[in-house]
Amino acid sequence: MNDRSQRAPKFLGDYPVGFRPHQLLLPLAPRSDHVTLNTGHVALHHLQGIDSASFFDIVPLLEHRCCEIPGMPGFKFGLTQADHCCQLILARRGATIIAGGLAWGAAASDSLWSWLRDYYHYAVPSIPEWLSSCPSTPPPLPWLGVVLTANIVQIPHEQSRMLGAFERDLAFAILHRSLTRN
């Protein structure tokens, strides 16, 4: 039973036979909530076996606090990380398009959610059709919460969809890095 192919994989470097190396395995809850506070939309992402080629493009970029988004010239992301949480900004030519937070630890969850709610109330009042009922408590861990700013209407719909996919992949990369560091 010491054969490597007989063990269940726990981390990205521990592949079973037939495993595609661009699949992501995380030692976490099997799903993550991705909440857009403006609209109330919640996407559930299953974390085990996520198939994301861009994940490996993002991991090396996490060492930088600010970096261009791969495949999206003119778009950048910025990160501020703390213990079991991260604030993120996605911007185009210096204008914030999306502000977000990622939490995977209970100690950070409430304060990060509070920051997102404050940002939501700061950024959203000028767009009445976006006003949704912003929950007072965060979803179960791990979660990614985002607030769309009015600048989102300045980019084509396809680019906004690409930013949504990037948010998800960025969150998975951050979670993976945090949970697999020695």
N, C-alpha and C. Protein backbone atom coordinates (compact mmCIF):
# COMPACT_ATOMS: atom_id res chain seq x y z
N MET A 1 0.81 -1.21 0.00
CA MET A 1 0.00 0.00 0.00
C MET A 1 0.84 1.26 0.00
N ASN A 2 2.16 1.13 0.01
CA ASN A 2 3.01 2.31 -0.03
C ASN A 2 3.17 2.85 -1.44
N ASP A 3 2.64 2.13 -2.42
CA ASP A 3 2.71 2.58 -3.81
C ASP A 3 1.99 3.90 -3.97
N ARG A 4 2.65 4.88 -4.56
CA ARG A 4 2.11 6.24 -4.72
C ARG A 4 0.77 6.25 -5.46
N SER A 5 0.59 5.34 -6.43
CA SER A 5 -0.65 5.34 -7.20
C SER A 5 -1.84 4.81 -6.40
N GLN A 6 -1.61 4.20 -5.24
CA GLN A 6 -2.68 3.65 -4.43
C GLN A 6 -3.25 4.65 -3.43
N ARG A 7 -2.54 5.74 -3.16
CA ARG A 7 -2.98 6.72 -2.18
C ARG A 7 -3.91 7.75 -2.81
N ALA A 8 -4.82 8.27 -2.03
CA ALA A 8 -5.67 9.36 -2.51
C ALA A 8 -4.85 10.64 -2.54
N PRO A 9 -4.96 11.44 -3.61
CA PRO A 9 -4.19 12.67 -3.70
C PRO A 9 -4.70 13.70 -2.70
N LYS A 10 -3.79 14.41 -2.07
CA LYS A 10 -4.18 15.46 -1.13
C LYS A 10 -3.78 16.83 -1.65
N PHE A 11 -2.68 16.91 -2.36
CA PHE A 11 -2.21 18.19 -2.84
C PHE A 11 -1.86 18.09 -4.32
N LEU A 12 -1.69 19.22 -4.93
CA LEU A 12 -1.50 19.30 -6.37
C LEU A 12 -0.35 18.42 -6.87
N GLY A 13 0.73 18.30 -6.14
CA GLY A 13 1.88 17.53 -6.60
C GLY A 13 1.73 16.03 -6.42
N ASP A 14 0.64 15.54 -5.90
CA ASP A 14 0.44 14.13 -5.59
C ASP A 14 -0.62 13.56 -6.54
N TYR A 15 -0.23 13.23 -7.77
CA TYR A 15 -1.19 12.85 -8.81
C TYR A 15 -1.46 11.36 -8.85
N PRO A 16 -2.72 10.95 -8.96
CA PRO A 16 -3.03 9.53 -9.21
C PRO A 16 -2.86 9.22 -10.69
N VAL A 17 -2.85 7.94 -11.02
CA VAL A 17 -2.73 7.51 -12.41
C VAL A 17 -3.89 8.10 -13.22
N GLY A 18 -3.59 8.65 -14.39
CA GLY A 18 -4.62 9.20 -15.26
C GLY A 18 -5.04 10.61 -14.92
N PHE A 19 -4.44 11.20 -13.91
CA PHE A 19 -4.80 12.56 -13.49
C PHE A 19 -4.19 13.57 -14.44
N ARG A 20 -4.96 14.55 -14.84
CA ARG A 20 -4.45 15.62 -15.68
C ARG A 20 -3.83 16.68 -14.78
N PRO A 21 -2.58 17.09 -15.02
CA PRO A 21 -1.90 17.98 -14.09
C PRO A 21 -2.50 19.37 -13.99
N HIS A 22 -3.43 19.76 -14.85
CA HIS A 22 -4.02 21.08 -14.69
C HIS A 22 -5.32 21.04 -13.90
N GLN A 23 -5.62 19.90 -13.28
CA GLN A 23 -6.74 19.84 -12.36
C GLN A 23 -6.27 20.30 -10.99
N LEU A 24 -7.12 21.00 -10.29
CA LEU A 24 -6.78 21.55 -8.99
C LEU A 24 -7.46 20.77 -7.89
N LEU A 25 -6.70 20.32 -6.91
CA LEU A 25 -7.25 19.65 -5.75
C LEU A 25 -6.94 20.49 -4.52
N LEU A 26 -7.94 20.77 -3.73
CA LEU A 26 -7.74 21.55 -2.52
C LEU A 26 -8.21 20.78 -1.30
N PRO A 27 -7.43 20.78 -0.22
CA PRO A 27 -7.84 20.11 1.01
C PRO A 27 -8.79 21.00 1.81
N LEU A 28 -9.99 21.25 1.28
CA LEU A 28 -10.96 22.19 1.84
C LEU A 28 -12.35 21.60 1.76
N ALA A 29 -13.31 22.43 2.11
CA ALA A 29 -14.70 22.06 1.87
C ALA A 29 -14.85 21.81 0.36
N PRO A 30 -15.78 20.97 -0.04
CA PRO A 30 -15.89 20.60 -1.45
C PRO A 30 -16.43 21.71 -2.35
N ARG A 31 -16.86 22.83 -1.78
CA ARG A 31 -17.42 23.91 -2.60
C ARG A 31 -17.08 25.26 -1.98
N SER A 32 -17.22 26.28 -2.82
CA SER A 32 -16.98 27.64 -2.37
C SER A 32 -18.06 28.54 -2.96
N ASP A 33 -18.57 29.45 -2.14
CA ASP A 33 -19.53 30.43 -2.62
C ASP A 33 -18.80 31.60 -3.26
N HIS A 34 -19.30 32.06 -4.39
CA HIS A 34 -18.77 33.22 -5.11
C HIS A 34 -19.95 34.19 -5.20
N VAL A 35 -19.96 35.20 -4.32
CA VAL A 35 -21.11 36.09 -4.15
C VAL A 35 -20.83 37.44 -4.79
N THR A 36 -21.76 37.91 -5.62
CA THR A 36 -21.70 39.27 -6.14
C THR A 36 -22.69 40.09 -5.34
N LEU A 37 -22.18 40.95 -4.47
CA LEU A 37 -23.03 41.68 -3.54
C LEU A 37 -24.01 42.60 -4.25
N ASN A 38 -23.61 43.21 -5.38
CA ASN A 38 -24.50 44.13 -6.09
C ASN A 38 -25.78 43.48 -6.56
N THR A 39 -25.65 42.29 -7.09
CA THR A 39 -26.79 41.64 -7.75
C THR A 39 -27.42 40.54 -6.90
N GLY A 40 -26.71 40.10 -5.87
CA GLY A 40 -27.20 38.99 -5.07
C GLY A 40 -26.91 37.64 -5.70
N HIS A 41 -26.24 37.62 -6.84
CA HIS A 41 -25.93 36.37 -7.52
C HIS A 41 -24.91 35.56 -6.71
N VAL A 42 -25.19 34.26 -6.55
CA VAL A 42 -24.27 33.37 -5.87
C VAL A 42 -23.97 32.20 -6.81
N ALA A 43 -22.69 32.01 -7.09
CA ALA A 43 -22.25 30.87 -7.88
C ALA A 43 -21.55 29.91 -6.93
N LEU A 44 -21.89 28.65 -7.04
CA LEU A 44 -21.21 27.62 -6.24
C LEU A 44 -20.15 26.98 -7.11
N HIS A 45 -18.92 27.01 -6.64
CA HIS A 45 -17.82 26.38 -7.38
C HIS A 45 -17.36 25.16 -6.60
N HIS A 46 -17.26 24.05 -7.28
CA HIS A 46 -16.75 22.84 -6.66
C HIS A 46 -15.24 22.86 -6.76
N LEU A 47 -14.58 22.76 -5.63
CA LEU A 47 -13.14 22.95 -5.56
C LEU A 47 -12.35 21.69 -5.91
N GLN A 48 -12.91 20.54 -5.70
CA GLN A 48 -12.15 19.33 -5.98
C GLN A 48 -12.20 19.01 -7.47
N GLY A 49 -11.02 18.83 -8.03
CA GLY A 49 -10.92 18.46 -9.44
C GLY A 49 -11.24 19.58 -10.39
N ILE A 50 -11.17 20.83 -9.94
CA ILE A 50 -11.46 21.95 -10.84
C ILE A 50 -10.49 21.90 -12.01
N ASP A 51 -10.99 22.11 -13.18
CA ASP A 51 -10.20 21.99 -14.40
C ASP A 51 -9.98 23.40 -14.94
N SER A 52 -8.86 24.00 -14.59
CA SER A 52 -8.61 25.37 -14.98
C SER A 52 -7.16 25.54 -15.43
N ALA A 53 -6.98 25.69 -16.74
CA ALA A 53 -5.63 25.87 -17.27
C ALA A 53 -5.03 27.19 -16.81
N SER A 54 -5.85 28.22 -16.61
CA SER A 54 -5.31 29.52 -16.22
C SER A 54 -4.80 29.53 -14.78
N PHE A 55 -5.20 28.54 -13.99
CA PHE A 55 -4.72 28.43 -12.61
C PHE A 55 -3.19 28.49 -12.58
N PHE A 56 -2.53 27.72 -13.44
CA PHE A 56 -1.08 27.67 -13.43
C PHE A 56 -0.45 28.95 -13.97
N ASP A 57 -1.18 29.74 -14.74
CA ASP A 57 -0.69 31.05 -15.17
C ASP A 57 -0.72 32.05 -14.03
N ILE A 58 -1.63 31.85 -13.09
CA ILE A 58 -1.84 32.80 -12.00
C ILE A 58 -0.91 32.56 -10.82
N VAL A 59 -0.64 31.30 -10.49
CA VAL A 59 0.13 30.98 -9.28
C VAL A 59 1.44 31.77 -9.20
N PRO A 60 2.27 31.83 -10.25
CA PRO A 60 3.53 32.58 -10.12
C PRO A 60 3.32 34.08 -9.91
N LEU A 61 2.17 34.60 -10.31
CA LEU A 61 1.90 36.03 -10.18
C LEU A 61 1.55 36.44 -8.75
N LEU A 62 1.23 35.47 -7.91
CA LEU A 62 0.80 35.77 -6.55
C LEU A 62 1.90 36.37 -5.69
N GLU A 63 3.15 36.25 -6.13
CA GLU A 63 4.25 36.84 -5.38
C GLU A 63 4.29 38.37 -5.53
N HIS A 64 3.53 38.88 -6.47
CA HIS A 64 3.50 40.33 -6.72
C HIS A 64 2.21 40.90 -6.13
N ARG A 65 2.28 42.11 -5.63
CA ARG A 65 1.08 42.74 -5.07
C ARG A 65 0.19 43.29 -6.17
N CYS A 66 0.77 43.58 -7.32
CA CYS A 66 0.01 44.13 -8.45
C CYS A 66 0.60 43.56 -9.73
N CYS A 67 -0.26 43.09 -10.62
CA CYS A 67 0.23 42.45 -11.82
C CYS A 67 -0.82 42.50 -12.92
N GLU A 68 -0.37 42.45 -14.18
CA GLU A 68 -1.31 42.41 -15.30
C GLU A 68 -2.05 41.07 -15.32
N ILE A 69 -3.33 41.11 -15.66
CA ILE A 69 -4.14 39.89 -15.76
C ILE A 69 -3.76 39.18 -17.06
N PRO A 70 -3.35 37.91 -16.99
CA PRO A 70 -2.95 37.18 -18.20
C PRO A 70 -4.07 37.16 -19.24
N GLY A 71 -3.70 37.49 -20.47
CA GLY A 71 -4.64 37.47 -21.58
C GLY A 71 -5.59 38.66 -21.64
N MET A 72 -5.39 39.65 -20.77
CA MET A 72 -6.27 40.83 -20.75
C MET A 72 -5.42 42.10 -20.67
N PRO A 73 -4.83 42.51 -21.79
CA PRO A 73 -3.99 43.71 -21.79
C PRO A 73 -4.75 44.92 -21.24
N GLY A 74 -4.08 45.70 -20.42
CA GLY A 74 -4.69 46.89 -19.82
C GLY A 74 -5.40 46.62 -18.51
N PHE A 75 -5.59 45.35 -18.16
CA PHE A 75 -6.25 44.97 -16.91
C PHE A 75 -5.20 44.50 -15.91
N LYS A 76 -5.36 44.91 -14.66
CA LYS A 76 -4.44 44.50 -13.59
C LYS A 76 -5.23 44.04 -12.37
N PHE A 77 -4.56 43.26 -11.55
CA PHE A 77 -5.13 42.90 -10.26
C PHE A 77 -4.16 43.32 -9.17
N GLY A 78 -4.73 43.65 -8.02
CA GLY A 78 -3.93 43.98 -6.84
C GLY A 78 -4.41 43.15 -5.67
N LEU A 79 -3.48 42.72 -4.84
CA LEU A 79 -3.79 41.86 -3.70
C LEU A 79 -3.23 42.45 -2.41
N THR A 80 -4.00 42.32 -1.36
CA THR A 80 -3.52 42.58 -0.01
C THR A 80 -3.91 41.36 0.81
N GLN A 81 -2.89 40.60 1.23
CA GLN A 81 -3.17 39.35 1.93
C GLN A 81 -2.89 39.48 3.42
N ALA A 82 -3.69 38.77 4.19
CA ALA A 82 -3.51 38.66 5.64
C ALA A 82 -3.70 37.19 5.99
N ASP A 83 -3.82 36.88 7.27
CA ASP A 83 -3.98 35.51 7.71
C ASP A 83 -5.36 34.97 7.33
N HIS A 84 -5.40 34.02 6.41
CA HIS A 84 -6.62 33.33 5.98
C HIS A 84 -7.62 34.24 5.27
N CYS A 85 -7.13 35.34 4.68
CA CYS A 85 -8.02 36.18 3.89
C CYS A 85 -7.20 37.04 2.93
N CYS A 86 -7.89 37.63 1.99
CA CYS A 86 -7.24 38.45 0.97
C CYS A 86 -8.24 39.47 0.43
N GLN A 87 -7.79 40.70 0.27
CA GLN A 87 -8.57 41.71 -0.44
C GLN A 87 -8.01 41.78 -1.85
N LEU A 88 -8.89 41.96 -2.84
CA LEU A 88 -8.41 42.05 -4.21
C LEU A 88 -9.15 43.15 -4.95
N ILE A 89 -8.42 43.73 -5.89
CA ILE A 89 -8.96 44.77 -6.77
C ILE A 89 -8.64 44.36 -8.19
N LEU A 90 -9.63 44.41 -9.07
CA LEU A 90 -9.42 44.21 -10.50
C LEU A 90 -9.69 45.56 -11.16
N ALA A 91 -8.74 46.00 -11.96
CA ALA A 91 -8.85 47.35 -12.53
C ALA A 91 -8.45 47.35 -14.01
N ARG A 92 -8.91 48.37 -14.69
CA ARG A 92 -8.54 48.59 -16.09
C ARG A 92 -8.04 50.03 -16.20
N ARG A 93 -6.81 50.14 -16.64
CA ARG A 93 -6.19 51.46 -16.80
C ARG A 93 -6.33 52.32 -15.54
N GLY A 94 -6.15 51.69 -14.39
CA GLY A 94 -6.17 52.40 -13.12
C GLY A 94 -7.54 52.60 -12.49
N ALA A 95 -8.61 52.28 -13.19
CA ALA A 95 -9.97 52.44 -12.66
C ALA A 95 -10.47 51.11 -12.10
N THR A 96 -10.84 51.11 -10.82
CA THR A 96 -11.34 49.89 -10.19
C THR A 96 -12.63 49.45 -10.85
N ILE A 97 -12.68 48.19 -11.26
CA ILE A 97 -13.88 47.61 -11.85
C ILE A 97 -14.55 46.69 -10.84
N ILE A 98 -13.74 45.91 -10.11
CA ILE A 98 -14.26 44.96 -9.14
C ILE A 98 -13.39 45.01 -7.89
N ALA A 99 -14.03 45.09 -6.74
CA ALA A 99 -13.34 44.96 -5.45
C ALA A 99 -13.86 43.68 -4.82
N GLY A 100 -12.99 42.94 -4.19
CA GLY A 100 -13.43 41.67 -3.63
C GLY A 100 -12.65 41.25 -2.41
N GLY A 101 -13.14 40.19 -1.82
CA GLY A 101 -12.48 39.59 -0.67
C GLY A 101 -12.64 38.08 -0.71
N LEU A 102 -11.61 37.40 -0.28
CA LEU A 102 -11.60 35.94 -0.21
C LEU A 102 -11.26 35.56 1.22
N ALA A 103 -12.09 34.71 1.82
CA ALA A 103 -11.83 34.26 3.20
C ALA A 103 -11.87 32.74 3.25
N TRP A 104 -10.92 32.17 3.97
CA TRP A 104 -10.91 30.72 4.18
C TRP A 104 -10.62 30.38 5.64
N GLY A 105 -10.64 31.41 6.50
CA GLY A 105 -10.44 31.20 7.93
C GLY A 105 -11.48 31.96 8.72
N ALA A 106 -11.99 31.35 9.77
CA ALA A 106 -13.09 31.94 10.55
C ALA A 106 -12.72 33.28 11.18
N ALA A 107 -11.49 33.44 11.62
CA ALA A 107 -11.09 34.69 12.29
C ALA A 107 -11.18 35.90 11.36
N ALA A 108 -10.93 35.69 10.09
CA ALA A 108 -10.91 36.80 9.14
C ALA A 108 -12.25 37.03 8.45
N SER A 109 -13.11 36.06 8.46
CA SER A 109 -14.33 36.09 7.66
C SER A 109 -15.23 37.28 7.96
N ASP A 110 -15.56 37.49 9.23
CA ASP A 110 -16.50 38.57 9.58
C ASP A 110 -15.95 39.96 9.27
N SER A 111 -14.67 40.21 9.58
CA SER A 111 -14.11 41.54 9.33
C SER A 111 -13.97 41.81 7.83
N LEU A 112 -13.62 40.79 7.06
CA LEU A 112 -13.52 40.98 5.60
C LEU A 112 -14.90 41.21 5.00
N TRP A 113 -15.90 40.47 5.48
CA TRP A 113 -17.27 40.67 4.98
C TRP A 113 -17.75 42.09 5.32
N SER A 114 -17.41 42.56 6.50
CA SER A 114 -17.77 43.92 6.91
C SER A 114 -17.14 44.95 5.97
N TRP A 115 -15.87 44.74 5.62
CA TRP A 115 -15.20 45.64 4.66
C TRP A 115 -15.93 45.62 3.32
N LEU A 116 -16.29 44.43 2.84
CA LEU A 116 -17.00 44.33 1.56
C LEU A 116 -18.35 45.04 1.61
N ARG A 117 -19.08 44.87 2.70
CA ARG A 117 -20.38 45.55 2.85
C ARG A 117 -20.19 47.06 2.84
N ASP A 118 -19.17 47.56 3.53
CA ASP A 118 -18.88 48.99 3.52
C ASP A 118 -18.55 49.47 2.11
N TYR A 119 -17.74 48.69 1.40
CA TYR A 119 -17.40 49.05 0.02
C TYR A 119 -18.65 49.02 -0.86
N TYR A 120 -19.48 48.02 -0.66
CA TYR A 120 -20.74 47.90 -1.40
C TYR A 120 -21.59 49.16 -1.21
N HIS A 121 -21.73 49.61 0.03
CA HIS A 121 -22.54 50.80 0.29
C HIS A 121 -21.89 52.06 -0.25
N TYR A 122 -20.57 52.06 -0.36
CA TYR A 122 -19.85 53.19 -0.93
C TYR A 122 -19.99 53.21 -2.46
N ALA A 123 -19.86 52.05 -3.09
CA ALA A 123 -19.79 51.98 -4.56
C ALA A 123 -21.14 51.88 -5.25
N VAL A 124 -22.14 51.35 -4.59
CA VAL A 124 -23.38 50.99 -5.28
C VAL A 124 -24.47 52.07 -5.30
N PRO A 125 -24.58 52.97 -4.33
CA PRO A 125 -25.72 53.88 -4.32
C PRO A 125 -25.96 54.66 -5.61
N SER A 126 -24.92 54.83 -6.42
CA SER A 126 -25.12 55.56 -7.68
C SER A 126 -25.73 54.70 -8.77
N ILE A 127 -25.98 53.42 -8.52
CA ILE A 127 -26.55 52.51 -9.51
C ILE A 127 -27.77 51.82 -8.89
N PRO A 128 -28.91 52.51 -8.84
CA PRO A 128 -30.08 51.98 -8.13
C PRO A 128 -30.55 50.60 -8.60
N GLU A 129 -30.45 50.30 -9.89
CA GLU A 129 -30.93 49.00 -10.37
C GLU A 129 -30.06 47.85 -9.88
N TRP A 130 -28.88 48.13 -9.33
CA TRP A 130 -28.03 47.08 -8.80
C TRP A 130 -28.30 46.80 -7.34
N LEU A 131 -29.02 47.68 -6.68
CA LEU A 131 -29.22 47.50 -5.24
C LEU A 131 -29.93 46.18 -4.96
N SER A 132 -29.28 45.35 -4.21
CA SER A 132 -29.87 44.09 -3.77
C SER A 132 -29.80 44.08 -2.26
N SER A 133 -30.40 43.11 -1.68
CA SER A 133 -30.34 42.98 -0.23
C SER A 133 -28.98 42.37 0.12
N CYS A 134 -28.09 43.18 0.62
CA CYS A 134 -26.74 42.74 0.96
C CYS A 134 -26.78 41.98 2.29
N PRO A 135 -26.45 40.70 2.28
CA PRO A 135 -26.50 39.91 3.52
C PRO A 135 -25.61 40.50 4.61
N SER A 136 -26.05 40.42 5.84
CA SER A 136 -25.27 40.97 6.95
C SER A 136 -24.18 40.00 7.43
N THR A 137 -24.30 38.73 7.07
CA THR A 137 -23.29 37.76 7.48
C THR A 137 -22.72 37.08 6.25
N PRO A 138 -21.46 36.67 6.34
CA PRO A 138 -20.83 36.02 5.19
C PRO A 138 -21.35 34.61 4.97
N PRO A 139 -21.15 34.09 3.76
CA PRO A 139 -21.52 32.70 3.49
C PRO A 139 -20.54 31.76 4.20
N PRO A 140 -20.79 30.46 4.15
CA PRO A 140 -19.87 29.50 4.77
C PRO A 140 -18.48 29.57 4.11
N LEU A 141 -17.48 29.26 4.88
CA LEU A 141 -16.10 29.24 4.37
C LEU A 141 -15.88 28.05 3.46
N PRO A 142 -15.00 28.18 2.50
CA PRO A 142 -14.37 29.39 2.01
C PRO A 142 -15.34 30.16 1.12
N TRP A 143 -15.16 31.48 1.02
CA TRP A 143 -16.03 32.28 0.16
C TRP A 143 -15.23 33.37 -0.54
N LEU A 144 -15.77 33.77 -1.68
CA LEU A 144 -15.26 34.90 -2.45
C LEU A 144 -16.43 35.85 -2.63
N GLY A 145 -16.28 37.08 -2.17
CA GLY A 145 -17.32 38.10 -2.34
C GLY A 145 -16.78 39.23 -3.19
N VAL A 146 -17.59 39.73 -4.12
CA VAL A 146 -17.14 40.82 -4.99
C VAL A 146 -18.21 41.90 -5.09
N VAL A 147 -17.72 43.11 -5.35
CA VAL A 147 -18.58 44.27 -5.59
C VAL A 147 -18.19 44.84 -6.95
N LEU A 148 -19.17 44.95 -7.83
CA LEU A 148 -18.94 45.56 -9.14
C LEU A 148 -19.08 47.07 -9.00
N THR A 149 -18.14 47.82 -9.58
CA THR A 149 -18.27 49.27 -9.56
C THR A 149 -18.95 49.73 -10.85
N ALA A 150 -19.29 51.00 -10.90
CA ALA A 150 -19.93 51.55 -12.10
C ALA A 150 -19.03 51.45 -13.32
N ASN A 151 -17.73 51.30 -13.11
CA ASN A 151 -16.79 51.20 -14.23
C ASN A 151 -16.98 49.92 -15.05
N ILE A 152 -17.72 48.97 -14.54
CA ILE A 152 -17.93 47.72 -15.28
C ILE A 152 -18.69 47.98 -16.59
N VAL A 153 -19.50 49.02 -16.62
CA VAL A 153 -20.25 49.32 -17.86
C VAL A 153 -19.34 49.89 -18.94
N GLN A 154 -18.10 50.21 -18.61
CA GLN A 154 -17.15 50.76 -19.58
C GLN A 154 -16.42 49.68 -20.38
N ILE A 155 -16.65 48.42 -20.03
CA ILE A 155 -15.96 47.33 -20.74
C ILE A 155 -17.01 46.44 -21.43
N PRO A 156 -16.62 45.79 -22.52
CA PRO A 156 -17.55 44.89 -23.21
C PRO A 156 -17.98 43.73 -22.30
N HIS A 157 -19.16 43.20 -22.55
CA HIS A 157 -19.73 42.11 -21.76
C HIS A 157 -18.77 40.91 -21.71
N GLU A 158 -18.14 40.58 -22.82
CA GLU A 158 -17.24 39.43 -22.85
C GLU A 158 -16.07 39.62 -21.89
N GLN A 159 -15.57 40.85 -21.79
CA GLN A 159 -14.47 41.10 -20.85
C GLN A 159 -14.95 41.00 -19.40
N SER A 160 -16.19 41.40 -19.14
CA SER A 160 -16.69 41.26 -17.77
C SER A 160 -16.85 39.78 -17.41
N ARG A 161 -17.23 38.96 -18.38
CA ARG A 161 -17.30 37.51 -18.13
C ARG A 161 -15.91 36.93 -17.88
N MET A 162 -14.92 37.42 -18.63
CA MET A 162 -13.54 36.96 -18.43
C MET A 162 -13.04 37.35 -17.03
N LEU A 163 -13.43 38.55 -16.57
CA LEU A 163 -13.03 38.97 -15.22
C LEU A 163 -13.66 38.07 -14.16
N GLY A 164 -14.90 37.66 -14.38
CA GLY A 164 -15.55 36.74 -13.44
C GLY A 164 -14.81 35.42 -13.35
N ALA A 165 -14.39 34.89 -14.49
CA ALA A 165 -13.62 33.64 -14.50
C ALA A 165 -12.27 33.86 -13.84
N PHE A 166 -11.66 35.02 -14.08
CA PHE A 166 -10.38 35.31 -13.46
C PHE A 166 -10.52 35.42 -11.94
N GLU A 167 -11.59 36.05 -11.46
CA GLU A 167 -11.85 36.12 -10.00
C GLU A 167 -11.81 34.73 -9.39
N ARG A 168 -12.55 33.82 -10.01
CA ARG A 168 -12.63 32.44 -9.52
C ARG A 168 -11.26 31.77 -9.53
N ASP A 169 -10.55 31.87 -10.65
CA ASP A 169 -9.25 31.22 -10.76
C ASP A 169 -8.22 31.84 -9.82
N LEU A 170 -8.29 33.16 -9.65
CA LEU A 170 -7.40 33.83 -8.71
C LEU A 170 -7.67 33.34 -7.28
N ALA A 171 -8.94 33.21 -6.93
CA ALA A 171 -9.29 32.71 -5.60
C ALA A 171 -8.77 31.29 -5.40
N PHE A 172 -8.92 30.42 -6.40
CA PHE A 172 -8.43 29.05 -6.28
C PHE A 172 -6.92 29.02 -6.13
N ALA A 173 -6.23 29.88 -6.88
CA ALA A 173 -4.76 29.93 -6.79
C ALA A 173 -4.31 30.39 -5.41
N ILE A 174 -4.98 31.40 -4.86
CA ILE A 174 -4.64 31.89 -3.52
C ILE A 174 -4.91 30.81 -2.47
N LEU A 175 -6.06 30.17 -2.56
CA LEU A 175 -6.38 29.09 -1.62
C LEU A 175 -5.36 27.96 -1.71
N HIS A 176 -5.05 27.56 -2.93
CA HIS A 176 -4.10 26.47 -3.12
C HIS A 176 -2.74 26.83 -2.52
N ARG A 177 -2.26 28.02 -2.82
CA ARG A 177 -0.95 28.44 -2.31
C ARG A 177 -0.95 28.47 -0.79
N SER A 178 -2.00 29.03 -0.22
CA SER A 178 -2.06 29.13 1.24
C SER A 178 -2.12 27.77 1.91
N LEU A 179 -2.88 26.86 1.35
CA LEU A 179 -3.10 25.58 1.99
C LEU A 179 -2.04 24.53 1.70
N THR A 180 -1.17 24.80 0.73
CA THR A 180 -0.15 23.80 0.39
C THR A 180 1.25 24.27 0.72
N ARG A 181 1.40 25.45 1.29
CA ARG A 181 2.73 25.92 1.71
C ARG A 181 3.21 25.09 2.88
N ASN A 182 4.50 24.87 2.92
CA ASN A 182 5.09 24.12 4.06
C ASN A 182 5.19 25.01 5.26
